Protein backbone atom coordinates (compact mmCIF):
# COMPACT_ATOMS: atom_id res chain seq x y z
CA ASP A 1 -84.14 -18.00 -13.75
CA PHE A 2 -84.58 -17.62 -9.98
CA ALA A 3 -81.19 -19.20 -9.19
CA LYS A 4 -79.51 -17.16 -11.93
CA GLY A 5 -81.02 -13.98 -10.52
CA LEU A 6 -79.86 -14.75 -7.00
CA SER A 7 -76.39 -15.52 -8.31
CA VAL A 8 -76.22 -12.12 -10.01
CA LEU A 9 -77.52 -10.35 -6.89
CA VAL A 10 -75.02 -12.03 -4.61
CA LYS A 11 -71.91 -12.49 -6.76
CA GLY A 12 -72.41 -10.39 -9.89
CA THR A 13 -70.38 -7.41 -11.01
CA GLN A 14 -71.84 -3.93 -10.64
CA GLU A 15 -72.64 -3.89 -14.38
CA GLU A 16 -74.44 -7.26 -14.12
CA LYS A 17 -76.39 -6.10 -11.08
CA THR A 18 -77.36 -2.86 -12.81
CA ARG A 19 -78.56 -4.69 -15.93
CA PHE A 20 -80.43 -7.26 -13.82
CA ALA A 21 -82.09 -4.57 -11.69
CA PHE A 22 -83.15 -2.64 -14.79
CA GLN A 23 -84.62 -5.77 -16.36
CA GLY A 24 -86.43 -6.52 -13.11
CA TYR A 25 -87.95 -3.05 -13.03
CA ASP A 26 -88.85 -3.20 -16.75
CA ILE A 27 -91.96 -5.35 -16.29
CA GLU A 28 -93.43 -4.25 -19.63
CA LYS A 29 -90.26 -5.34 -21.47
CA LYS A 30 -90.06 -2.01 -23.32
CA ASN A 31 -86.38 -1.40 -22.47
CA SER A 32 -87.50 1.60 -20.43
CA LEU A 33 -89.06 2.26 -17.04
CA SER A 34 -92.26 4.11 -16.34
CA ARG A 35 -92.83 6.08 -13.16
CA GLU A 36 -95.99 4.07 -12.43
CA ASN A 37 -94.39 0.64 -12.78
CA LEU A 38 -91.37 1.62 -10.73
CA THR A 39 -93.67 2.87 -7.96
CA LYS A 40 -95.72 -0.36 -8.06
CA LEU A 41 -92.62 -2.54 -7.86
CA LEU A 42 -91.02 -0.63 -5.00
CA LYS A 43 -94.28 -0.76 -3.06
CA ALA A 44 -94.46 -4.51 -3.69
CA TYR A 45 -90.86 -4.95 -2.48
CA PHE A 46 -91.73 -2.94 0.61
CA GLN A 47 -94.72 -5.21 1.33
CA VAL A 48 -92.50 -8.28 1.03
CA SER A 49 -90.01 -6.68 3.42
CA ILE A 50 -92.74 -5.88 5.96
CA GLU A 51 -94.01 -9.47 5.83
CA LEU A 52 -90.49 -10.81 6.32
CA VAL A 53 -89.99 -8.56 9.34
CA ARG A 54 -93.33 -9.64 10.79
CA ASP A 55 -92.36 -13.29 10.34
CA VAL A 56 -88.97 -12.78 11.98
CA VAL A 57 -90.48 -10.89 14.92
CA LYS A 58 -93.14 -13.56 15.39
CA ALA A 59 -90.54 -16.36 15.28
CA CYS A 60 -88.36 -14.53 17.83
CA GLU A 61 -91.33 -14.02 20.14
CA GLU A 62 -92.31 -17.68 19.88
CA GLU A 63 -88.75 -18.85 20.54
CA MET A 64 -88.44 -16.50 23.49
CA MET A 65 -91.64 -17.88 25.01
CA LEU A 66 -90.51 -21.49 24.44
CA ASN A 67 -87.18 -20.81 26.14
CA PHE A 68 -88.60 -18.81 29.02
CA ASP A 69 -87.77 -20.49 32.31
CA ASP A 70 -90.53 -19.93 34.80
CA SER A 71 -89.64 -22.93 36.96
CA GLN A 72 -88.46 -20.71 39.79
CA GLY A 73 -92.05 -19.89 40.69
CA LYS A 74 -91.32 -16.16 40.56
CA PRO A 75 -93.53 -13.67 38.75
CA VAL A 76 -92.29 -12.52 35.35
CA SER A 77 -91.91 -8.99 36.73
CA SER A 78 -89.09 -10.20 38.99
CA LEU A 79 -86.84 -10.41 35.92
CA PHE A 80 -87.06 -6.66 35.33
CA ASN A 81 -85.47 -3.90 37.39
CA ALA A 82 -87.83 -1.11 36.32
CA PRO A 83 -90.81 -0.40 38.54
CA ILE A 84 -94.20 -1.53 37.27
CA PRO A 85 -96.42 1.47 36.49
CA ALA A 86 -99.68 1.90 38.36
CA THR A 87 -102.71 0.41 36.63
CA GLY A 88 -104.37 2.71 34.12
CA GLN A 89 -101.60 5.31 34.02
CA GLY A 90 -99.82 5.82 30.72
CA ARG A 91 -101.99 3.32 28.83
CA THR A 92 -104.11 3.49 25.73
CA ALA A 93 -107.90 3.10 25.74
CA ASP A 94 -107.59 -0.68 25.39
CA GLY A 95 -105.26 -0.90 28.43
CA LYS A 96 -102.02 -1.46 26.52
CA PRO A 97 -98.90 0.63 27.06
CA PRO A 98 -98.37 3.09 24.21
CA ILE A 99 -95.53 2.65 21.73
CA PRO A 100 -92.94 5.42 22.07
CA GLY A 101 -93.53 7.97 19.33
CA ASN A 102 -96.87 6.42 18.39
CA PRO A 103 -99.96 7.49 20.30
CA GLY A 104 -101.92 4.44 19.16
CA ALA A 105 -101.86 0.85 20.31
CA THR A 106 -99.52 -1.85 18.98
CA LYS A 107 -102.02 -2.95 16.33
CA ASN A 108 -101.94 0.55 14.84
CA MET A 109 -98.16 0.57 14.42
CA TRP A 110 -97.88 -1.35 11.12
CA PRO A 111 -100.53 0.59 9.14
CA VAL A 112 -98.95 3.89 10.18
CA MET A 113 -95.48 2.69 9.15
CA GLU A 114 -96.83 1.32 5.88
CA ALA A 115 -98.67 4.54 5.00
CA MET A 116 -95.61 6.65 5.76
CA SER A 117 -93.43 4.31 3.70
CA GLN A 118 -95.84 4.33 0.75
CA ASP A 119 -95.58 8.13 0.66
CA ALA A 120 -91.80 7.90 0.95
CA ILE A 121 -91.67 5.49 -2.01
CA GLU A 122 -93.71 7.85 -4.18
CA GLU A 123 -91.43 10.72 -3.19
CA MET A 124 -88.34 8.60 -3.94
CA VAL A 125 -89.63 7.70 -7.42
CA ASP A 126 -90.44 11.36 -8.11
CA ASN A 127 -86.89 12.30 -7.08
CA VAL A 128 -85.37 9.52 -9.20
CA PHE A 129 -87.17 10.73 -12.32
CA LYS A 130 -86.36 14.37 -11.46
CA ASP A 131 -82.66 13.50 -11.01
CA ALA A 132 -82.73 11.73 -14.37
CA LYS A 133 -84.12 15.00 -15.80
CA LEU A 134 -87.26 13.30 -17.10
CA GLN A 135 -90.60 15.03 -17.52
CA ALA A 136 -93.99 13.65 -16.49
CA GLY A 137 -94.87 10.76 -18.78
CA ASP A 138 -91.26 10.20 -19.90
CA ARG A 139 -89.74 6.74 -19.56
CA MET A 140 -86.26 6.03 -18.24
CA SER A 141 -83.82 4.28 -20.58
CA TYR A 142 -81.20 1.79 -19.43
CA GLN A 143 -78.48 4.37 -20.03
CA ALA A 144 -80.25 6.93 -17.81
CA PHE A 145 -80.82 4.23 -15.17
CA LYS A 146 -77.15 3.24 -15.26
CA GLU A 147 -75.95 6.85 -15.00
CA LEU A 148 -78.37 7.55 -12.17
CA GLY A 149 -77.16 4.43 -10.36
CA THR A 150 -73.66 5.90 -10.15
CA ILE A 151 -74.89 8.96 -8.21
CA ASP A 152 -77.90 7.48 -6.37
CA SER A 153 -77.72 3.93 -5.10
CA SER A 154 -81.32 3.75 -3.85
CA LEU A 155 -82.65 1.87 -6.89
CA MET A 156 -79.89 -0.72 -6.69
CA SER A 157 -80.14 -1.09 -2.92
CA TRP A 158 -83.65 -2.53 -3.23
CA PHE A 159 -82.30 -5.35 -5.37
CA ASP A 160 -79.23 -5.82 -3.17
CA ALA A 161 -81.52 -6.21 -0.17
CA LEU A 162 -83.42 -9.00 -1.93
CA GLY A 163 -80.16 -10.92 -2.37
CA THR A 164 -79.49 -10.86 1.38
CA VAL A 165 -82.89 -12.39 2.15
CA PHE A 166 -81.99 -15.61 0.39
């Protein structure tokens, strides 16, 4: 099933991808999608994406440190042209430089991004159901999903992104 799914994601026609995506979202196997289940699935996909990004960043950092050549006996700062700021200026309470656009320290970056993205997912699902002209509590049929996919590619793009990971 896993290999078949990847094959559809990577090489399938648009109709096959649409059917596969709908079946993936239809976790209750009712041939329709609920707002709640769609929200849960998109949040789960987002979490997987965040973990993949974290893994890639960590691997890049580790590789960079392994390949760093410090045999010249020069301080690391000699590799950079920018002046080193004075101690204590422009730093957070724990002494770390702030992240541009984020007043907190590095460790606070991911939770902020995740919270913002969780809200964005809920808003996206609300808009998807609104665009499909469905009321609160209504479920989305395959036909409505397919029609919506022709004017809004956001639901399909989540599945397309999964195909690029593998």
